[in-house]
All heavy atoms as atom14 arrays in JSON, in Angstrom:
{
  "sequence": "RLRALGTGYIRFALAEPGLFRTAFCRADTPGMESEP",
  "atom14_mask": [
    [1, 1, 1, 1, 1, 1, 1, 1, 1, 1, 1, 0, 0, 0],
    [1, 1, 1, 1, 1, 1, 1, 1, 0, 0, 0, 0, 0, 0],
    [1, 1, 1, 1, 1, 1, 1, 1, 1, 1, 1, 0, 0, 0],
    [1, 1, 1, 1, 1, 0, 0, 0, 0, 0, 0, 0, 0, 0],
    [1, 1, 1, 1, 1, 1, 1, 1, 0, 0, 0, 0, 0, 0],
    [1, 1, 1, 1, 0, 0, 0, 0, 0, 0, 0, 0, 0, 0],
    [1, 1, 1, 1, 1, 1, 1, 0, 0, 0, 0, 0, 0, 0],
    [1, 1, 1, 1, 0, 0, 0, 0, 0, 0, 0, 0, 0, 0],
    [1, 1, 1, 1, 1, 1, 1, 1, 1, 1, 1, 1, 0, 0],
    [1, 1, 1, 1, 1, 1, 1, 1, 0, 0, 0, 0, 0, 0],
    [1, 1, 1, 1, 1, 1, 1, 1, 1, 1, 1, 0, 0, 0],
    [1, 1, 1, 1, 1, 1, 1, 1, 1, 1, 1, 0, 0, 0],
    [1, 1, 1, 1, 1, 0, 0, 0, 0, 0, 0, 0, 0, 0],
    [1, 1, 1, 1, 1, 1, 1, 1, 0, 0, 0, 0, 0, 0],
    [1, 1, 1, 1, 1, 0, 0, 0, 0, 0, 0, 0, 0, 0],
    [1, 1, 1, 1, 1, 1, 1, 1, 1, 0, 0, 0, 0, 0],
    [1, 1, 1, 1, 1, 1, 1, 0, 0, 0, 0, 0, 0, 0],
    [1, 1, 1, 1, 0, 0, 0, 0, 0, 0, 0, 0, 0, 0],
    [1, 1, 1, 1, 1, 1, 1, 1, 0, 0, 0, 0, 0, 0],
    [1, 1, 1, 1, 1, 1, 1, 1, 1, 1, 1, 0, 0, 0],
    [1, 1, 1, 1, 1, 1, 1, 1, 1, 1, 1, 0, 0, 0],
    [1, 1, 1, 1, 1, 1, 1, 0, 0, 0, 0, 0, 0, 0],
    [1, 1, 1, 1, 1, 0, 0, 0, 0, 0, 0, 0, 0, 0],
    [1, 1, 1, 1, 1, 1, 1, 1, 1, 1, 1, 0, 0, 0],
    [1, 1, 1, 1, 1, 1, 0, 0, 0, 0, 0, 0, 0, 0],
    [1, 1, 1, 1, 1, 1, 1, 1, 1, 1, 1, 0, 0, 0],
    [1, 1, 1, 1, 1, 0, 0, 0, 0, 0, 0, 0, 0, 0],
    [1, 1, 1, 1, 1, 1, 1, 1, 0, 0, 0, 0, 0, 0],
    [1, 1, 1, 1, 1, 1, 1, 0, 0, 0, 0, 0, 0, 0],
    [1, 1, 1, 1, 1, 1, 1, 0, 0, 0, 0, 0, 0, 0],
    [1, 1, 1, 1, 0, 0, 0, 0, 0, 0, 0, 0, 0, 0],
    [1, 1, 1, 1, 1, 1, 1, 1, 0, 0, 0, 0, 0, 0],
    [1, 1, 1, 1, 1, 1, 1, 1, 1, 0, 0, 0, 0, 0],
    [1, 1, 1, 1, 1, 1, 0, 0, 0, 0, 0, 0, 0, 0],
    [1, 1, 1, 1, 1, 1, 1, 1, 1, 0, 0, 0, 0, 0],
    [1, 1, 1, 1, 1, 1, 1, 0, 0, 0, 0, 0, 0, 0]
  ],
  "atom14_positions": [
    [[100.31, 187.72, 247.72], [99.44, 188.72, 247.1], [98.12, 188.09, 246.66], [97.05, 188.68, 246.83], [100.15, 189.36, 245.9], [101.32, 190.26, 246.25], [101.96, 190.85, 245.0], [101.01, 191.67, 244.27], [100.77, 192.96, 244.53], [101.43, 193.57, 245.5], [99.89, 193.63, 243.82], [0.0, 0.0, 0.0], [0.0, 0.0, 0.0], [0.0, 0.0, 0.0]],
    [[98.21, 186.89, 246.14], [97.01, 186.21, 245.66], [96.01, 185.99, 246.8], [94.81, 186.27, 246.66], [97.4, 184.88, 245.02], [96.35, 184.16, 244.19], [96.01, 184.97, 242.95], [96.85, 182.78, 243.79], [0.0, 0.0, 0.0], [0.0, 0.0, 0.0], [0.0, 0.0, 0.0], [0.0, 0.0, 0.0], [0.0, 0.0, 0.0], [0.0, 0.0, 0.0]],
    [[96.52, 185.51, 247.93], [95.64, 185.28, 249.08], [95.1, 186.6, 249.61], [93.92, 186.71, 249.99], [96.37, 184.54, 250.18], [96.7, 183.09, 249.88], [97.24, 182.39, 251.12], [96.17, 182.23, 252.1], [95.45, 181.12, 252.25], [95.69, 180.08, 251.48], [94.49, 181.05, 253.16], [0.0, 0.0, 0.0], [0.0, 0.0, 0.0], [0.0, 0.0, 0.0]],
    [[95.94, 187.63, 249.66], [95.5, 188.93, 250.18], [94.43, 189.54, 249.29], [93.43, 190.09, 249.78], [96.7, 189.87, 250.29], [0.0, 0.0, 0.0], [0.0, 0.0, 0.0], [0.0, 0.0, 0.0], [0.0, 0.0, 0.0], [0.0, 0.0, 0.0], [0.0, 0.0, 0.0], [0.0, 0.0, 0.0], [0.0, 0.0, 0.0], [0.0, 0.0, 0.0]],
    [[94.6, 189.44, 247.98], [93.6, 189.99, 247.06], [92.27, 189.27, 247.22], [91.2, 189.9, 247.25], [94.1, 189.88, 245.62], [95.3, 190.74, 245.24], [95.77, 190.41, 243.83], [94.96, 192.23, 245.35], [0.0, 0.0, 0.0], [0.0, 0.0, 0.0], [0.0, 0.0, 0.0], [0.0, 0.0, 0.0], [0.0, 0.0, 0.0], [0.0, 0.0, 0.0]],
    [[92.32, 187.95, 247.34], [91.08, 187.19, 247.54], [90.42, 187.52, 248.86], [89.19, 187.66, 248.95], [0.0, 0.0, 0.0], [0.0, 0.0, 0.0], [0.0, 0.0, 0.0], [0.0, 0.0, 0.0], [0.0, 0.0, 0.0], [0.0, 0.0, 0.0], [0.0, 0.0, 0.0], [0.0, 0.0, 0.0], [0.0, 0.0, 0.0], [0.0, 0.0, 0.0]],
    [[91.24, 187.67, 249.9], [90.7, 188.03, 251.21], [90.04, 189.4, 251.17], [88.93, 189.59, 251.69], [91.82, 188.03, 252.27], [92.39, 186.72, 252.35], [91.29, 188.43, 253.63], [0.0, 0.0, 0.0], [0.0, 0.0, 0.0], [0.0, 0.0, 0.0], [0.0, 0.0, 0.0], [0.0, 0.0, 0.0], [0.0, 0.0, 0.0], [0.0, 0.0, 0.0]],
    [[90.71, 190.37, 250.54], [90.15, 191.71, 250.44], [88.84, 191.73, 249.67], [87.9, 192.46, 250.02], [0.0, 0.0, 0.0], [0.0, 0.0, 0.0], [0.0, 0.0, 0.0], [0.0, 0.0, 0.0], [0.0, 0.0, 0.0], [0.0, 0.0, 0.0], [0.0, 0.0, 0.0], [0.0, 0.0, 0.0], [0.0, 0.0, 0.0], [0.0, 0.0, 0.0]],
    [[88.76, 190.92, 248.64], [87.54, 190.82, 247.82], [86.37, 190.33, 248.67], [85.29, 190.93, 248.69], [87.82, 189.84, 246.68], [86.79, 189.81, 245.58], [87.02, 190.48, 244.38], [85.61, 189.08, 245.71], [86.1, 190.42, 243.34], [84.68, 189.02, 244.68], [84.93, 189.69, 243.5], [84.0, 189.64, 242.47], [0.0, 0.0, 0.0], [0.0, 0.0, 0.0]],
    [[86.6, 189.24, 249.41], [85.52, 188.68, 250.23], [85.18, 189.6, 251.39], [84.0, 189.78, 251.72], [85.91, 187.28, 250.72], [86.04, 186.32, 249.53], [84.89, 186.75, 251.72], [86.6, 184.95, 249.89], [0.0, 0.0, 0.0], [0.0, 0.0, 0.0], [0.0, 0.0, 0.0], [0.0, 0.0, 0.0], [0.0, 0.0, 0.0], [0.0, 0.0, 0.0]],
    [[86.19, 190.19, 252.01], [85.93, 191.09, 253.14], [85.1, 192.3, 252.69], [84.24, 192.79, 253.42], [87.24, 191.57, 253.74], [88.09, 190.46, 254.34], [87.56, 189.98, 255.67], [88.45, 188.98, 256.25], [88.13, 187.71, 256.43], [86.93, 187.27, 256.12], [88.99, 186.86, 256.97], [0.0, 0.0, 0.0], [0.0, 0.0, 0.0], [0.0, 0.0, 0.0]],
    [[85.37, 192.79, 251.49], [84.57, 193.9, 250.97], [83.12, 193.48, 250.81], [82.2, 194.22, 251.18], [85.13, 194.37, 249.63], [84.3, 195.45, 248.97], [84.43, 196.78, 249.35], [83.39, 195.13, 247.98], [83.66, 197.78, 248.76], [82.61, 196.12, 247.38], [82.75, 197.45, 247.78], [0.0, 0.0, 0.0], [0.0, 0.0, 0.0], [0.0, 0.0, 0.0]],
    [[82.9, 192.3, 250.26], [81.53, 191.82, 250.07], [80.78, 191.74, 251.4], [79.61, 192.12, 251.48], [81.55, 190.45, 249.4], [0.0, 0.0, 0.0], [0.0, 0.0, 0.0], [0.0, 0.0, 0.0], [0.0, 0.0, 0.0], [0.0, 0.0, 0.0], [0.0, 0.0, 0.0], [0.0, 0.0, 0.0], [0.0, 0.0, 0.0], [0.0, 0.0, 0.0]],
    [[81.47, 191.27, 252.45], [80.81, 191.12, 253.74], [80.62, 192.46, 254.45], [79.63, 192.65, 255.17], [81.64, 190.18, 254.63], [81.78, 188.73, 254.12], [82.64, 187.91, 255.07], [80.41, 188.09, 253.93], [0.0, 0.0, 0.0], [0.0, 0.0, 0.0], [0.0, 0.0, 0.0], [0.0, 0.0, 0.0], [0.0, 0.0, 0.0], [0.0, 0.0, 0.0]],
    [[81.55, 193.39, 254.24], [81.45, 194.69, 254.9], [80.52, 195.63, 254.17], [79.89, 196.5, 254.78], [82.85, 195.32, 255.01], [0.0, 0.0, 0.0], [0.0, 0.0, 0.0], [0.0, 0.0, 0.0], [0.0, 0.0, 0.0], [0.0, 0.0, 0.0], [0.0, 0.0, 0.0], [0.0, 0.0, 0.0], [0.0, 0.0, 0.0], [0.0, 0.0, 0.0]],
    [[80.43, 195.49, 252.84], [79.62, 196.39, 252.02], [78.69, 195.58, 251.11], [78.8, 195.64, 249.88], [80.52, 197.29, 251.18], [81.42, 198.21, 251.96], [80.66, 199.4, 252.55], [79.43, 199.47, 252.36], [81.29, 200.26, 253.18], [0.0, 0.0, 0.0], [0.0, 0.0, 0.0], [0.0, 0.0, 0.0], [0.0, 0.0, 0.0], [0.0, 0.0, 0.0]],
    [[77.76, 194.84, 251.7], [76.91, 193.98, 250.85], [76.09, 194.76, 249.83], [75.89, 194.28, 248.71], [76.01, 193.27, 251.87], [76.04, 194.14, 253.09], [77.41, 194.73, 253.12], [0.0, 0.0, 0.0], [0.0, 0.0, 0.0], [0.0, 0.0, 0.0], [0.0, 0.0, 0.0], [0.0, 0.0, 0.0], [0.0, 0.0, 0.0], [0.0, 0.0, 0.0]],
    [[75.64, 195.95, 250.2], [74.85, 196.74, 249.26], [75.66, 197.14, 248.04], [75.2, 197.04, 246.89], [0.0, 0.0, 0.0], [0.0, 0.0, 0.0], [0.0, 0.0, 0.0], [0.0, 0.0, 0.0], [0.0, 0.0, 0.0], [0.0, 0.0, 0.0], [0.0, 0.0, 0.0], [0.0, 0.0, 0.0], [0.0, 0.0, 0.0], [0.0, 0.0, 0.0]],
    [[76.89, 197.6, 248.27], [77.75, 197.99, 247.16], [78.17, 196.78, 246.34], [78.26, 196.85, 245.11], [78.99, 198.73, 247.68], [78.78, 200.14, 248.22], [80.13, 200.78, 248.52], [78.0, 201.0, 247.23], [0.0, 0.0, 0.0], [0.0, 0.0, 0.0], [0.0, 0.0, 0.0], [0.0, 0.0, 0.0], [0.0, 0.0, 0.0], [0.0, 0.0, 0.0]],
    [[78.47, 195.68, 247.01], [78.89, 194.47, 246.3], [77.77, 193.97, 245.4], [78.0, 193.64, 244.23], [79.3, 193.4, 247.3], [79.92, 192.18, 246.66], [81.25, 192.18, 246.29], [79.16, 191.04, 246.43], [81.83, 191.06, 245.7], [79.72, 189.92, 245.85], [81.06, 189.93, 245.48], [0.0, 0.0, 0.0], [0.0, 0.0, 0.0], [0.0, 0.0, 0.0]],
    [[76.56, 193.92, 245.92], [75.44, 193.45, 245.1], [75.2, 194.39, 243.93], [74.87, 193.96, 242.83], [74.19, 193.35, 245.96], [74.23, 192.23, 247.01], [72.89, 192.09, 247.7], [72.9, 191.04, 248.71], [72.93, 191.25, 250.02], [72.94, 192.5, 250.49], [72.94, 190.25, 250.87], [0.0, 0.0, 0.0], [0.0, 0.0, 0.0], [0.0, 0.0, 0.0]],
    [[75.36, 195.69, 244.17], [75.15, 196.66, 243.09], [76.23, 196.53, 242.03], [75.94, 196.6, 240.82], [75.13, 198.08, 243.65], [74.11, 198.19, 244.65], [74.84, 199.1, 242.54], [0.0, 0.0, 0.0], [0.0, 0.0, 0.0], [0.0, 0.0, 0.0], [0.0, 0.0, 0.0], [0.0, 0.0, 0.0], [0.0, 0.0, 0.0], [0.0, 0.0, 0.0]],
    [[77.46, 196.35, 242.46], [78.58, 196.24, 241.51], [78.37, 195.1, 240.53], [78.77, 195.19, 239.37], [79.89, 196.06, 242.26], [0.0, 0.0, 0.0], [0.0, 0.0, 0.0], [0.0, 0.0, 0.0], [0.0, 0.0, 0.0], [0.0, 0.0, 0.0], [0.0, 0.0, 0.0], [0.0, 0.0, 0.0], [0.0, 0.0, 0.0], [0.0, 0.0, 0.0]],
    [[77.7, 194.04, 240.99], [77.55, 192.86, 240.14], [76.1, 192.55, 239.79], [75.8, 191.44, 239.35], [78.2, 191.65, 240.83], [79.68, 191.8, 240.99], [80.22, 192.16, 242.22], [80.54, 191.62, 239.93], [81.59, 192.32, 242.38], [81.9, 191.77, 240.07], [82.44, 192.13, 241.3], [0.0, 0.0, 0.0], [0.0, 0.0, 0.0], [0.0, 0.0, 0.0]],
    [[75.22, 193.52, 239.96], [73.82, 193.28, 239.59], [73.71, 193.17, 238.07], [74.5, 193.76, 237.32], [72.91, 194.38, 240.13], [73.09, 196.01, 239.36], [0.0, 0.0, 0.0], [0.0, 0.0, 0.0], [0.0, 0.0, 0.0], [0.0, 0.0, 0.0], [0.0, 0.0, 0.0], [0.0, 0.0, 0.0], [0.0, 0.0, 0.0], [0.0, 0.0, 0.0]],
    [[72.75, 192.43, 237.62], [72.59, 192.19, 236.18], [72.19, 193.48, 235.48], [71.32, 194.22, 235.93], [71.55, 191.11, 235.93], [72.01, 189.73, 236.32], [71.0, 188.67, 235.93], [70.64, 188.73, 234.51], [69.89, 187.82, 233.9], [69.43, 186.79, 234.57], [69.6, 187.94, 232.62], [0.0, 0.0, 0.0], [0.0, 0.0, 0.0], [0.0, 0.0, 0.0]],
    [[72.82, 193.71, 234.35], [72.57, 194.94, 233.6], [71.25, 194.9, 232.87], [70.76, 195.95, 232.42], [73.7, 195.19, 232.6], [0.0, 0.0, 0.0], [0.0, 0.0, 0.0], [0.0, 0.0, 0.0], [0.0, 0.0, 0.0], [0.0, 0.0, 0.0], [0.0, 0.0, 0.0], [0.0, 0.0, 0.0], [0.0, 0.0, 0.0], [0.0, 0.0, 0.0]],
    [[70.64, 193.72, 232.75], [69.38, 193.62, 232.01], [68.18, 193.44, 232.93], [67.1, 193.08, 232.48], [69.45, 192.46, 231.01], [69.7, 191.1, 231.68], [70.0, 191.09, 232.88], [69.6, 190.08, 230.98], [0.0, 0.0, 0.0], [0.0, 0.0, 0.0], [0.0, 0.0, 0.0], [0.0, 0.0, 0.0], [0.0, 0.0, 0.0], [0.0, 0.0, 0.0]],
    [[68.36, 193.7, 234.23], [67.24, 193.61, 235.16], [66.21, 194.67, 234.82], [66.56, 195.84, 234.63], [67.72, 193.8, 236.61], [68.69, 192.8, 236.91], [66.57, 193.7, 237.59], [0.0, 0.0, 0.0], [0.0, 0.0, 0.0], [0.0, 0.0, 0.0], [0.0, 0.0, 0.0], [0.0, 0.0, 0.0], [0.0, 0.0, 0.0], [0.0, 0.0, 0.0]],
    [[64.92, 194.3, 234.71], [63.9, 195.3, 234.38], [63.95, 196.51, 235.3], [63.99, 196.37, 236.53], [62.59, 194.52, 234.56], [62.96, 193.1, 234.28], [64.34, 192.94, 234.83], [0.0, 0.0, 0.0], [0.0, 0.0, 0.0], [0.0, 0.0, 0.0], [0.0, 0.0, 0.0], [0.0, 0.0, 0.0], [0.0, 0.0, 0.0], [0.0, 0.0, 0.0]],
    [[63.99, 197.68, 234.72], [64.06, 198.92, 235.48], [65.46, 199.35, 235.82], [65.68, 200.47, 236.26], [0.0, 0.0, 0.0], [0.0, 0.0, 0.0], [0.0, 0.0, 0.0], [0.0, 0.0, 0.0], [0.0, 0.0, 0.0], [0.0, 0.0, 0.0], [0.0, 0.0, 0.0], [0.0, 0.0, 0.0], [0.0, 0.0, 0.0], [0.0, 0.0, 0.0]],
    [[66.44, 198.46, 235.61], [67.82, 198.78, 235.94], [68.75, 198.51, 234.75], [69.94, 198.29, 234.9], [68.3, 197.99, 237.15], [67.59, 198.36, 238.44], [68.31, 197.58, 239.91], [67.75, 195.9, 239.72], [0.0, 0.0, 0.0], [0.0, 0.0, 0.0], [0.0, 0.0, 0.0], [0.0, 0.0, 0.0], [0.0, 0.0, 0.0], [0.0, 0.0, 0.0]],
    [[68.17, 198.49, 233.53], [68.97, 198.19, 232.35], [70.11, 199.19, 232.22], [69.92, 200.4, 232.33], [68.1, 198.24, 231.09], [67.01, 197.18, 231.04], [65.72, 197.62, 231.71], [65.75, 198.66, 232.41], [64.7, 196.93, 231.53], [0.0, 0.0, 0.0], [0.0, 0.0, 0.0], [0.0, 0.0, 0.0], [0.0, 0.0, 0.0], [0.0, 0.0, 0.0]],
    [[71.33, 198.66, 232.02], [72.49, 199.53, 231.92], [73.55, 198.86, 231.08], [73.5, 197.65, 230.82], [73.07, 199.84, 233.31], [73.52, 198.65, 233.94], [0.0, 0.0, 0.0], [0.0, 0.0, 0.0], [0.0, 0.0, 0.0], [0.0, 0.0, 0.0], [0.0, 0.0, 0.0], [0.0, 0.0, 0.0], [0.0, 0.0, 0.0], [0.0, 0.0, 0.0]],
    [[74.52, 199.65, 230.66], [75.65, 199.08, 229.95], [76.47, 198.22, 230.92], [76.74, 198.65, 232.05], [76.53, 200.2, 229.39], [75.92, 200.95, 228.22], [75.76, 200.07, 226.99], [76.66, 199.24, 226.74], [74.73, 200.2, 226.31], [0.0, 0.0, 0.0], [0.0, 0.0, 0.0], [0.0, 0.0, 0.0], [0.0, 0.0, 0.0], [0.0, 0.0, 0.0]],
    [[76.86, 197.02, 230.52], [77.67, 196.19, 231.42], [79.04, 196.82, 231.66], [79.61, 197.43, 230.78], [77.78, 194.86, 230.67], [77.57, 195.2, 229.23], [76.6, 196.35, 229.23], [0.0, 0.0, 0.0], [0.0, 0.0, 0.0], [0.0, 0.0, 0.0], [0.0, 0.0, 0.0], [0.0, 0.0, 0.0], [0.0, 0.0, 0.0], [0.0, 0.0, 0.0]]
  ]
}
């Protein structure tokens, strides 16, 4: 399970780079301030 979860995490990042970057973008970026 541990390996599968890690694999799924990385595969998501590679398949959906836009969503992955958005999911972890900084909450204090100017113009994009949000609750963490």
